[in-house]
Amino acid sequence: MRFLFALIFLIVLSVCQAQEKTVTIGLIGDSTVAEQSGWGPAFAERFDRRATILNYAKSGATLQALSKKLDELVQHQPDYVLIQFGHHDQKRYDTTVYHDHLKSYVERIQKAGAAPLISGKANEQRYALYELDNDPGESHNPFCPNSNQGLRSSMRPAIE
């Protein structure tokens, strides 16, 4: 959890250095991020008027289910997009399909000029901030971001 706060600190620092420019942060994921039950609202409360938080998360969602919502989100030209899925995805398809959907999200976010940040499943007991270009260690859950070798070359940070 302290790494989530480290990420928040880095984003807040970015906001402070931006002077008058507003930083836009998009959130997309399942119930762990959603307005009704997730960390999205508490995350948004940590920022002042120099940051705009767009929460496109939905309870019960999968990467596939919110694909069109991602397209809507990137039209707002966010600076960052935090992605958190996995709980419902693992019930619907295997890790190969999950990773293909996740890679599609990353590519579309980058194409829109934003920085994608992948957050692992919230019910995992281990949190680690790392660069996907480096060796992140082993993951015992194939739905966690550090288990995806294919995204390492196109991503930067991830939170697990």
N, C-alpha and C. Protein backbone atom coordinates (compact mmCIF):
# COMPACT_ATOMS: atom_id res chain seq x y z
N MET A 1 0.82 -1.18 0.00
CA MET A 1 0.00 0.00 0.00
C MET A 1 0.87 1.25 0.00
N ARG A 2 2.05 1.18 0.64
CA ARG A 2 2.91 2.36 0.68
C ARG A 2 3.38 2.74 -0.71
N PHE A 3 3.45 1.78 -1.61
CA PHE A 3 3.87 2.09 -2.97
C PHE A 3 2.78 2.85 -3.73
N LEU A 4 1.52 2.58 -3.40
CA LEU A 4 0.44 3.35 -3.99
C LEU A 4 0.57 4.80 -3.55
N PHE A 5 0.91 5.00 -2.27
CA PHE A 5 1.11 6.36 -1.78
C PHE A 5 2.34 7.00 -2.41
N ALA A 6 3.37 6.21 -2.70
CA ALA A 6 4.54 6.74 -3.40
C ALA A 6 4.15 7.20 -4.80
N LEU A 7 3.31 6.42 -5.46
CA LEU A 7 2.84 6.81 -6.78
C LEU A 7 2.04 8.11 -6.69
N ILE A 8 1.15 8.17 -5.70
CA ILE A 8 0.36 9.39 -5.50
C ILE A 8 1.29 10.58 -5.28
N PHE A 9 2.32 10.39 -4.46
CA PHE A 9 3.28 11.46 -4.21
C PHE A 9 3.94 11.92 -5.50
N LEU A 10 4.36 10.98 -6.34
CA LEU A 10 5.01 11.35 -7.60
C LEU A 10 4.07 12.11 -8.51
N ILE A 11 2.83 11.70 -8.56
CA ILE A 11 1.85 12.40 -9.40
C ILE A 11 1.55 13.77 -8.82
N VAL A 12 1.41 13.86 -7.49
CA VAL A 12 1.18 15.16 -6.85
C VAL A 12 2.37 16.08 -7.12
N LEU A 13 3.58 15.57 -7.02
CA LEU A 13 4.76 16.37 -7.33
C LEU A 13 4.72 16.87 -8.76
N SER A 14 4.31 16.00 -9.68
CA SER A 14 4.17 16.39 -11.08
C SER A 14 3.15 17.50 -11.23
N VAL A 15 2.06 17.40 -10.49
CA VAL A 15 1.01 18.43 -10.53
C VAL A 15 1.56 19.75 -10.02
N CYS A 16 2.30 19.70 -8.92
CA CYS A 16 2.85 20.92 -8.33
C CYS A 16 3.84 21.59 -9.28
N GLN A 17 4.64 20.81 -9.97
CA GLN A 17 5.62 21.36 -10.89
C GLN A 17 4.99 21.87 -12.17
N ALA A 18 3.77 21.49 -12.43
CA ALA A 18 3.11 21.87 -13.67
C ALA A 18 2.62 23.32 -13.65
N GLN A 19 2.83 24.03 -12.50
CA GLN A 19 2.38 25.42 -12.35
C GLN A 19 0.89 25.49 -12.58
N GLU A 20 0.45 26.17 -13.60
CA GLU A 20 -0.97 26.37 -13.86
C GLU A 20 -1.59 25.28 -14.72
N LYS A 21 -0.78 24.45 -15.32
CA LYS A 21 -1.31 23.38 -16.16
C LYS A 21 -2.00 22.34 -15.30
N THR A 22 -3.18 21.96 -15.70
CA THR A 22 -3.93 20.92 -15.00
C THR A 22 -3.48 19.56 -15.51
N VAL A 23 -3.20 18.67 -14.59
CA VAL A 23 -2.84 17.30 -14.94
C VAL A 23 -4.13 16.48 -14.92
N THR A 24 -4.33 15.68 -15.95
CA THR A 24 -5.52 14.83 -16.02
C THR A 24 -5.11 13.38 -15.83
N ILE A 25 -5.78 12.73 -14.88
CA ILE A 25 -5.49 11.34 -14.56
C ILE A 25 -6.76 10.53 -14.78
N GLY A 26 -6.68 9.54 -15.66
CA GLY A 26 -7.81 8.66 -15.91
C GLY A 26 -7.69 7.39 -15.09
N LEU A 27 -8.81 6.91 -14.60
CA LEU A 27 -8.87 5.64 -13.88
C LEU A 27 -9.82 4.73 -14.64
N ILE A 28 -9.40 3.49 -14.84
CA ILE A 28 -10.28 2.52 -15.49
C ILE A 28 -10.03 1.16 -14.85
N GLY A 29 -11.11 0.47 -14.52
CA GLY A 29 -10.96 -0.82 -13.86
C GLY A 29 -12.28 -1.36 -13.38
N ASP A 30 -12.19 -2.26 -12.41
CA ASP A 30 -13.38 -2.91 -11.88
C ASP A 30 -13.81 -2.25 -10.57
N SER A 31 -14.55 -2.97 -9.73
CA SER A 31 -15.10 -2.40 -8.50
C SER A 31 -14.05 -1.89 -7.54
N THR A 32 -12.83 -2.39 -7.64
CA THR A 32 -11.78 -1.94 -6.73
C THR A 32 -11.38 -0.49 -6.99
N VAL A 33 -11.79 0.06 -8.12
CA VAL A 33 -11.49 1.45 -8.49
C VAL A 33 -12.76 2.29 -8.56
N ALA A 34 -13.90 1.66 -8.74
CA ALA A 34 -15.17 2.33 -9.05
C ALA A 34 -15.61 3.32 -7.97
N GLU A 35 -16.43 4.27 -8.39
CA GLU A 35 -16.97 5.30 -7.51
C GLU A 35 -17.72 4.72 -6.31
N GLN A 36 -18.48 3.66 -6.53
CA GLN A 36 -19.34 3.12 -5.50
C GLN A 36 -18.59 2.38 -4.39
N SER A 37 -17.51 1.71 -4.74
CA SER A 37 -16.90 0.82 -3.75
C SER A 37 -15.38 0.77 -3.77
N GLY A 38 -14.75 1.49 -4.65
CA GLY A 38 -13.31 1.34 -4.81
C GLY A 38 -12.48 2.49 -4.27
N TRP A 39 -11.19 2.44 -4.58
CA TRP A 39 -10.25 3.45 -4.10
C TRP A 39 -10.25 4.71 -4.97
N GLY A 40 -10.94 4.71 -6.10
CA GLY A 40 -10.95 5.86 -7.00
C GLY A 40 -11.36 7.17 -6.34
N PRO A 41 -12.46 7.21 -5.60
CA PRO A 41 -12.85 8.46 -4.95
C PRO A 41 -11.83 8.97 -3.93
N ALA A 42 -11.27 8.08 -3.13
CA ALA A 42 -10.25 8.48 -2.15
C ALA A 42 -8.99 9.00 -2.86
N PHE A 43 -8.65 8.37 -3.96
CA PHE A 43 -7.51 8.82 -4.77
C PHE A 43 -7.77 10.25 -5.27
N ALA A 44 -8.96 10.50 -5.79
CA ALA A 44 -9.31 11.81 -6.33
C ALA A 44 -9.27 12.90 -5.26
N GLU A 45 -9.65 12.55 -4.04
CA GLU A 45 -9.66 13.53 -2.94
C GLU A 45 -8.27 14.01 -2.56
N ARG A 46 -7.25 13.30 -2.96
CA ARG A 46 -5.87 13.66 -2.61
C ARG A 46 -5.31 14.80 -3.47
N PHE A 47 -6.07 15.24 -4.46
CA PHE A 47 -5.59 16.24 -5.38
C PHE A 47 -6.38 17.54 -5.25
N ASP A 48 -5.74 18.63 -5.63
CA ASP A 48 -6.45 19.91 -5.62
C ASP A 48 -6.90 20.26 -7.03
N ARG A 49 -7.23 21.52 -7.26
CA ARG A 49 -7.79 21.97 -8.54
C ARG A 49 -6.82 21.83 -9.71
N ARG A 50 -5.54 21.57 -9.44
CA ARG A 50 -4.57 21.44 -10.52
C ARG A 50 -4.58 20.05 -11.15
N ALA A 51 -5.44 19.18 -10.64
CA ALA A 51 -5.56 17.83 -11.20
C ALA A 51 -7.04 17.51 -11.44
N THR A 52 -7.28 16.88 -12.55
CA THR A 52 -8.62 16.40 -12.88
C THR A 52 -8.55 14.88 -12.91
N ILE A 53 -9.44 14.24 -12.15
CA ILE A 53 -9.50 12.78 -12.11
C ILE A 53 -10.75 12.34 -12.84
N LEU A 54 -10.58 11.48 -13.84
CA LEU A 54 -11.70 10.93 -14.61
C LEU A 54 -11.81 9.45 -14.28
N ASN A 55 -12.88 9.07 -13.59
CA ASN A 55 -13.03 7.68 -13.16
C ASN A 55 -14.01 6.95 -14.07
N TYR A 56 -13.48 6.05 -14.90
CA TYR A 56 -14.28 5.25 -15.82
C TYR A 56 -14.40 3.80 -15.36
N ALA A 57 -14.12 3.54 -14.10
CA ALA A 57 -14.21 2.19 -13.57
C ALA A 57 -15.67 1.80 -13.35
N LYS A 58 -15.91 0.49 -13.39
CA LYS A 58 -17.27 -0.02 -13.21
C LYS A 58 -17.22 -1.36 -12.49
N SER A 59 -18.08 -1.50 -11.51
CA SER A 59 -18.14 -2.76 -10.76
C SER A 59 -18.45 -3.92 -11.70
N GLY A 60 -17.75 -5.02 -11.52
CA GLY A 60 -17.99 -6.22 -12.30
C GLY A 60 -17.35 -6.21 -13.68
N ALA A 61 -16.59 -5.17 -14.00
CA ALA A 61 -16.07 -5.02 -15.36
C ALA A 61 -14.83 -5.88 -15.63
N THR A 62 -14.64 -6.15 -16.90
CA THR A 62 -13.42 -6.79 -17.40
C THR A 62 -12.78 -5.84 -18.40
N LEU A 63 -11.55 -6.14 -18.79
CA LEU A 63 -10.88 -5.35 -19.82
C LEU A 63 -11.72 -5.28 -21.09
N GLN A 64 -12.25 -6.42 -21.49
CA GLN A 64 -13.05 -6.49 -22.71
C GLN A 64 -14.32 -5.66 -22.58
N ALA A 65 -14.97 -5.70 -21.42
CA ALA A 65 -16.24 -5.01 -21.22
C ALA A 65 -16.10 -3.48 -21.26
N LEU A 66 -14.95 -2.96 -20.83
CA LEU A 66 -14.77 -1.51 -20.78
C LEU A 66 -13.91 -0.96 -21.92
N SER A 67 -13.71 -1.76 -22.94
CA SER A 67 -12.87 -1.34 -24.06
C SER A 67 -13.37 -0.04 -24.70
N LYS A 68 -14.67 0.08 -24.90
CA LYS A 68 -15.21 1.32 -25.50
C LYS A 68 -15.10 2.49 -24.53
N LYS A 69 -15.21 2.22 -23.23
CA LYS A 69 -15.04 3.28 -22.23
C LYS A 69 -13.61 3.80 -22.24
N LEU A 70 -12.64 2.92 -22.51
CA LEU A 70 -11.26 3.39 -22.64
C LEU A 70 -11.14 4.36 -23.80
N ASP A 71 -11.79 4.05 -24.91
CA ASP A 71 -11.76 4.96 -26.06
C ASP A 71 -12.32 6.33 -25.69
N GLU A 72 -13.41 6.35 -24.91
CA GLU A 72 -13.98 7.61 -24.44
C GLU A 72 -13.01 8.34 -23.52
N LEU A 73 -12.37 7.60 -22.62
CA LEU A 73 -11.42 8.19 -21.68
C LEU A 73 -10.25 8.85 -22.39
N VAL A 74 -9.64 8.17 -23.35
CA VAL A 74 -8.46 8.75 -24.00
C VAL A 74 -8.81 9.94 -24.89
N GLN A 75 -10.07 10.11 -25.24
CA GLN A 75 -10.48 11.31 -25.98
C GLN A 75 -10.33 12.57 -25.13
N HIS A 76 -10.29 12.41 -23.81
CA HIS A 76 -10.08 13.54 -22.90
C HIS A 76 -8.60 13.91 -22.78
N GLN A 77 -7.75 13.18 -23.48
CA GLN A 77 -6.30 13.39 -23.51
C GLN A 77 -5.68 13.46 -22.10
N PRO A 78 -5.84 12.40 -21.32
CA PRO A 78 -5.24 12.40 -19.98
C PRO A 78 -3.73 12.33 -20.05
N ASP A 79 -3.08 12.75 -18.98
CA ASP A 79 -1.63 12.64 -18.88
C ASP A 79 -1.22 11.24 -18.42
N TYR A 80 -2.05 10.67 -17.55
CA TYR A 80 -1.82 9.33 -17.01
C TYR A 80 -3.14 8.56 -17.04
N VAL A 81 -3.04 7.23 -17.18
CA VAL A 81 -4.21 6.37 -17.03
C VAL A 81 -3.80 5.19 -16.15
N LEU A 82 -4.48 5.05 -15.01
CA LEU A 82 -4.26 3.93 -14.12
C LEU A 82 -5.25 2.83 -14.48
N ILE A 83 -4.75 1.62 -14.69
CA ILE A 83 -5.54 0.48 -15.13
C ILE A 83 -5.51 -0.57 -14.02
N GLN A 84 -6.68 -1.03 -13.57
CA GLN A 84 -6.71 -2.12 -12.59
C GLN A 84 -7.84 -3.07 -12.92
N PHE A 85 -7.46 -4.23 -13.41
CA PHE A 85 -8.40 -5.31 -13.74
C PHE A 85 -7.79 -6.63 -13.29
N GLY A 86 -8.52 -7.69 -13.47
CA GLY A 86 -7.98 -9.02 -13.21
C GLY A 86 -8.95 -9.93 -12.49
N HIS A 87 -9.66 -9.40 -11.50
CA HIS A 87 -10.54 -10.24 -10.69
C HIS A 87 -11.61 -10.92 -11.54
N HIS A 88 -12.31 -10.16 -12.35
CA HIS A 88 -13.38 -10.72 -13.17
C HIS A 88 -12.83 -11.33 -14.47
N ASP A 89 -11.70 -10.80 -14.93
CA ASP A 89 -11.09 -11.33 -16.16
C ASP A 89 -10.68 -12.79 -15.99
N GLN A 90 -10.12 -13.12 -14.83
CA GLN A 90 -9.64 -14.49 -14.63
C GLN A 90 -10.78 -15.50 -14.59
N LYS A 91 -12.00 -15.03 -14.41
CA LYS A 91 -13.17 -15.92 -14.42
C LYS A 91 -13.68 -16.15 -15.84
N ARG A 92 -13.27 -15.30 -16.79
CA ARG A 92 -13.87 -15.33 -18.12
C ARG A 92 -12.94 -15.85 -19.22
N TYR A 93 -11.63 -15.62 -19.06
CA TYR A 93 -10.72 -16.07 -20.11
C TYR A 93 -9.34 -16.34 -19.54
N ASP A 94 -8.51 -17.00 -20.34
CA ASP A 94 -7.19 -17.39 -19.84
C ASP A 94 -6.21 -16.21 -19.88
N THR A 95 -5.02 -16.44 -19.37
CA THR A 95 -4.03 -15.35 -19.24
C THR A 95 -3.58 -14.80 -20.59
N THR A 96 -3.57 -15.62 -21.62
CA THR A 96 -3.16 -15.13 -22.94
C THR A 96 -4.13 -14.07 -23.44
N VAL A 97 -5.41 -14.34 -23.32
CA VAL A 97 -6.43 -13.38 -23.74
C VAL A 97 -6.36 -12.13 -22.86
N TYR A 98 -6.19 -12.32 -21.56
CA TYR A 98 -6.06 -11.19 -20.62
C TYR A 98 -4.89 -10.29 -21.02
N HIS A 99 -3.75 -10.89 -21.28
CA HIS A 99 -2.57 -10.12 -21.64
C HIS A 99 -2.74 -9.41 -22.98
N ASP A 100 -3.43 -10.05 -23.92
CA ASP A 100 -3.71 -9.40 -25.20
C ASP A 100 -4.58 -8.16 -25.01
N HIS A 101 -5.61 -8.29 -24.17
CA HIS A 101 -6.48 -7.13 -23.89
C HIS A 101 -5.70 -6.03 -23.17
N LEU A 102 -4.88 -6.42 -22.21
CA LEU A 102 -4.09 -5.45 -21.46
C LEU A 102 -3.10 -4.74 -22.37
N LYS A 103 -2.47 -5.48 -23.25
CA LYS A 103 -1.53 -4.87 -24.21
C LYS A 103 -2.25 -3.88 -25.13
N SER A 104 -3.46 -4.22 -25.53
CA SER A 104 -4.26 -3.32 -26.36
C SER A 104 -4.54 -2.01 -25.61
N TYR A 105 -4.88 -2.12 -24.34
CA TYR A 105 -5.11 -0.92 -23.52
C TYR A 105 -3.85 -0.05 -23.49
N VAL A 106 -2.72 -0.67 -23.19
CA VAL A 106 -1.45 0.06 -23.10
C VAL A 106 -1.15 0.78 -24.41
N GLU A 107 -1.27 0.07 -25.52
CA GLU A 107 -0.97 0.67 -26.83
C GLU A 107 -1.90 1.83 -27.14
N ARG A 108 -3.18 1.69 -26.84
CA ARG A 108 -4.14 2.75 -27.14
C ARG A 108 -3.91 3.97 -26.25
N ILE A 109 -3.57 3.74 -25.00
CA ILE A 109 -3.27 4.85 -24.08
C ILE A 109 -2.02 5.59 -24.55
N GLN A 110 -0.99 4.84 -24.91
CA GLN A 110 0.25 5.47 -25.39
C GLN A 110 0.01 6.22 -26.70
N LYS A 111 -0.78 5.65 -27.58
CA LYS A 111 -1.08 6.30 -28.85
C LYS A 111 -1.77 7.64 -28.63
N ALA A 112 -2.56 7.73 -27.55
CA ALA A 112 -3.26 8.97 -27.21
C ALA A 112 -2.33 9.97 -26.51
N GLY A 113 -1.09 9.57 -26.24
CA GLY A 113 -0.12 10.47 -25.62
C GLY A 113 -0.09 10.43 -24.10
N ALA A 114 -0.76 9.46 -23.50
CA ALA A 114 -0.79 9.34 -22.05
C ALA A 114 0.19 8.27 -21.58
N ALA A 115 0.48 8.30 -20.29
CA ALA A 115 1.34 7.30 -19.67
C ALA A 115 0.47 6.26 -18.97
N PRO A 116 0.47 5.01 -19.43
CA PRO A 116 -0.32 3.98 -18.76
C PRO A 116 0.40 3.46 -17.51
N LEU A 117 -0.36 3.24 -16.46
CA LEU A 117 0.15 2.65 -15.22
C LEU A 117 -0.76 1.48 -14.88
N ILE A 118 -0.19 0.30 -14.76
CA ILE A 118 -0.98 -0.89 -14.48
C ILE A 118 -0.92 -1.18 -12.99
N SER A 119 -2.08 -1.35 -12.39
CA SER A 119 -2.17 -1.71 -10.99
C SER A 119 -2.68 -3.14 -10.91
N GLY A 120 -2.01 -3.98 -10.12
CA GLY A 120 -2.44 -5.36 -9.97
C GLY A 120 -3.71 -5.47 -9.16
N LYS A 121 -4.19 -6.68 -9.02
CA LYS A 121 -5.42 -6.91 -8.28
C LYS A 121 -5.28 -6.43 -6.84
N ALA A 122 -6.29 -5.75 -6.35
CA ALA A 122 -6.25 -5.17 -5.01
C ALA A 122 -6.23 -6.23 -3.91
N ASN A 123 -6.72 -7.41 -4.20
CA ASN A 123 -6.76 -8.42 -3.15
C ASN A 123 -5.44 -9.17 -3.00
N GLU A 124 -4.46 -8.83 -3.81
CA GLU A 124 -3.14 -9.41 -3.62
C GLU A 124 -2.53 -8.80 -2.37
N GLN A 125 -1.83 -9.55 -1.59
CA GLN A 125 -1.28 -9.05 -0.34
C GLN A 125 0.08 -8.38 -0.52
N ARG A 126 0.67 -8.49 -1.69
CA ARG A 126 1.99 -7.94 -1.94
C ARG A 126 1.88 -6.77 -2.91
N TYR A 127 2.47 -5.64 -2.58
CA TYR A 127 2.47 -4.48 -3.46
C TYR A 127 3.92 -4.14 -3.76
N ALA A 128 4.21 -3.86 -5.02
CA ALA A 128 5.58 -3.49 -5.37
C ALA A 128 5.56 -2.54 -6.56
N LEU A 129 6.27 -1.44 -6.43
CA LEU A 129 6.40 -0.49 -7.53
C LEU A 129 7.70 -0.83 -8.24
N TYR A 130 7.65 -1.00 -9.54
CA TYR A 130 8.85 -1.37 -10.26
C TYR A 130 8.75 -0.91 -11.70
N GLU A 131 9.85 -0.92 -12.36
CA GLU A 131 9.91 -0.61 -13.78
C GLU A 131 9.81 -1.92 -14.54
N LEU A 132 8.92 -1.98 -15.51
CA LEU A 132 8.75 -3.21 -16.27
C LEU A 132 9.94 -3.48 -17.20
N ASP A 133 10.79 -2.47 -17.39
CA ASP A 133 12.00 -2.68 -18.18
C ASP A 133 13.05 -3.44 -17.38
N ASN A 134 12.90 -3.48 -16.06
CA ASN A 134 13.81 -4.21 -15.19
C ASN A 134 13.19 -5.55 -14.84
N ASP A 135 13.96 -6.39 -14.18
CA ASP A 135 13.44 -7.69 -13.75
C ASP A 135 12.57 -7.51 -12.52
N PRO A 136 11.27 -7.71 -12.63
CA PRO A 136 10.37 -7.47 -11.50
C PRO A 136 10.29 -8.61 -10.50
N GLY A 137 10.98 -9.70 -10.76
CA GLY A 137 10.86 -10.84 -9.86
C GLY A 137 9.76 -11.77 -10.32
N GLU A 138 9.43 -12.70 -9.50
CA GLU A 138 8.42 -13.69 -9.86
C GLU A 138 7.05 -13.30 -9.35
N SER A 139 6.05 -13.69 -10.07
CA SER A 139 4.67 -13.52 -9.62
C SER A 139 4.03 -14.90 -9.61
N HIS A 140 3.25 -15.14 -8.60
CA HIS A 140 2.55 -16.41 -8.53
C HIS A 140 1.15 -16.31 -9.09
N ASN A 141 0.77 -15.13 -9.51
CA ASN A 141 -0.55 -14.92 -10.08
C ASN A 141 -0.39 -14.44 -11.51
N PRO A 142 -0.79 -15.24 -12.50
CA PRO A 142 -0.59 -14.85 -13.90
C PRO A 142 -1.43 -13.65 -14.32
N PHE A 143 -2.36 -13.18 -13.49
CA PHE A 143 -3.15 -12.01 -13.82
C PHE A 143 -2.56 -10.73 -13.22
N CYS A 144 -1.38 -10.83 -12.61
CA CYS A 144 -0.69 -9.65 -12.09
C CYS A 144 0.17 -9.06 -13.18
N PRO A 145 0.38 -7.73 -13.17
CA PRO A 145 1.11 -7.09 -14.26
C PRO A 145 2.54 -7.57 -14.44
N ASN A 146 3.24 -7.97 -13.38
CA ASN A 146 4.63 -8.34 -13.55
C ASN A 146 4.80 -9.72 -14.17
N SER A 147 3.70 -10.44 -14.39
CA SER A 147 3.80 -11.75 -15.03
C SER A 147 3.81 -11.64 -16.55
N ASN A 148 3.61 -10.44 -17.07
CA ASN A 148 3.48 -10.26 -18.51
C ASN A 148 4.79 -9.79 -19.13
N GLN A 149 5.57 -10.73 -19.61
CA GLN A 149 6.83 -10.42 -20.26
C GLN A 149 6.65 -9.53 -21.49
N GLY A 150 5.54 -9.71 -22.20
CA GLY A 150 5.32 -8.98 -23.45
C GLY A 150 5.10 -7.50 -23.28
N LEU A 151 4.69 -7.04 -22.10
CA LEU A 151 4.45 -5.61 -21.90
C LEU A 151 5.69 -4.86 -21.43
N ARG A 152 6.69 -5.56 -21.00
CA ARG A 152 7.86 -4.89 -20.42
C ARG A 152 8.50 -3.89 -21.34
N SER A 153 8.57 -4.18 -22.62
CA SER A 153 9.24 -3.26 -23.54
C SER A 153 8.41 -2.03 -23.83
N SER A 154 7.10 -2.08 -23.61
CA SER A 154 6.25 -0.93 -23.94
C SER A 154 5.75 -0.19 -22.72
N MET A 155 6.08 -0.64 -21.54
CA MET A 155 5.56 -0.03 -20.31
C MET A 155 6.66 0.54 -19.46
N ARG A 156 6.25 1.34 -18.49
CA ARG A 156 7.15 1.85 -17.47
C ARG A 156 6.72 1.28 -16.13
N PRO A 157 6.06 2.07 -15.27
CA PRO A 157 5.76 1.55 -13.94
C PRO A 157 4.50 0.72 -13.86
N ALA A 158 4.46 -0.11 -12.88
CA ALA A 158 3.26 -0.88 -12.56
C ALA A 158 3.21 -1.01 -11.06
N ILE A 159 2.02 -1.18 -10.55
CA ILE A 159 1.82 -1.36 -9.11
C ILE A 159 1.17 -2.71 -8.94
N GLU A 160 1.74 -3.50 -8.05
CA GLU A 160 1.13 -4.81 -7.78
C GLU A 160 0.88 -4.94 -6.32
